[in-house]
Amino acid sequence: MDEKLFDKWDFNVEVIDSGLKGYINLDPVYVPHSSGRYQKKRFGKAKISIVERLINKLMRTGSARKKIGG
C-alpha cells in the first residue's frame, strides 16, 4: 500500500541540492504535528517534516507574521 499525505499526495520527492538535503525531512508522517518536540535541541528543526514547517509558517497572523515571515 502506498502512503500518501492526507490520502492525496505522494511522498516521492527528491532533493537534488546537497546543501539542503540534510535540512529537509521528507519522511512520511500521517499527522504533521510534532508539538514542538525538537525545539530545544540544536538543529532540531532539521528533523521536523517539511510539510509541518510549511503549515506552521502559514498559520502565523498579525504582527508576528510581519516580524518572522519571509
Protein backbone atom coordinates (compact mmCIF):
# COMPACT_ATOMS: atom_id res chain seq x y z
CA MET A 1 0.00 0.00 0.00
CA ASP A 2 1.34 3.40 -0.98
CA GLU A 3 1.46 6.06 1.75
CA LYS A 4 0.04 9.46 0.84
CA LEU A 5 -0.12 12.76 2.66
CA PHE A 6 -3.76 13.49 3.53
CA ASP A 7 -4.60 10.50 1.28
CA LYS A 8 -3.94 12.75 -1.70
CA TRP A 9 -0.24 13.46 -2.40
CA ASP A 10 2.72 11.09 -2.72
CA PHE A 11 5.89 11.36 -0.65
CA ASN A 12 8.06 10.69 -3.71
CA VAL A 13 10.01 13.96 -3.65
CA GLU A 14 13.70 14.17 -4.42
CA VAL A 15 16.03 16.93 -3.15
CA ILE A 16 18.87 17.49 -5.60
CA ASP A 17 20.78 20.23 -3.71
CA SER A 18 23.30 18.52 -1.41
CA GLY A 19 23.39 21.51 0.96
CA LEU A 20 19.67 21.33 1.63
CA LYS A 21 19.43 17.55 1.76
CA GLY A 22 20.31 17.38 5.48
CA TYR A 23 17.75 20.02 6.47
CA ILE A 24 14.67 18.95 4.52
CA ASN A 25 12.96 15.97 6.11
CA LEU A 26 10.77 14.09 3.65
CA ASP A 27 9.97 11.07 5.80
CA PRO A 28 6.29 10.11 5.52
CA VAL A 29 4.13 11.11 8.50
CA TYR A 30 0.40 10.63 8.87
CA VAL A 31 -0.18 13.67 11.09
CA PRO A 32 2.28 16.55 10.52
CA HIS A 33 2.22 17.87 14.11
CA SER A 34 5.19 17.28 16.42
CA SER A 35 4.03 19.61 19.26
CA GLY A 36 7.42 21.33 19.42
CA ARG A 37 9.24 18.10 20.23
CA TYR A 38 12.53 19.24 18.67
CA GLN A 39 12.58 22.92 19.65
CA LYS A 40 15.14 22.68 22.47
CA LYS A 41 17.72 20.59 20.63
CA ARG A 42 20.37 22.09 18.41
CA PHE A 43 19.45 21.71 14.72
CA GLY A 44 16.19 20.07 15.82
CA LYS A 45 14.30 21.86 13.07
CA ALA A 46 16.00 19.57 10.56
CA LYS A 47 14.05 16.61 11.99
CA ILE A 48 10.64 18.24 11.56
CA SER A 49 8.69 17.27 8.44
CA ILE A 50 8.84 19.87 5.67
CA VAL A 51 5.03 19.78 5.49
CA GLU A 52 4.75 20.71 9.18
CA ARG A 53 7.24 23.55 8.73
CA LEU A 54 5.19 24.93 5.83
CA ILE A 55 1.93 24.68 7.79
CA ASN A 56 3.48 26.43 10.81
CA LYS A 57 4.71 29.22 8.53
CA LEU A 58 1.25 29.70 7.02
CA MET A 59 -0.58 29.77 10.37
CA ARG A 60 1.11 32.96 11.63
CA THR A 61 -1.12 36.01 11.75
CA GLY A 62 -0.90 39.70 12.57
CA SER A 63 2.30 41.39 13.71
CA ALA A 64 4.09 38.08 14.33
CA ARG A 65 3.82 37.34 10.63
CA LYS A 66 5.44 40.67 9.75
CA LYS A 67 8.33 40.13 12.16
CA ILE A 68 9.10 36.49 11.39
CA GLY A 69 7.65 35.92 7.94
CA GLY A 70 9.71 35.76 4.81
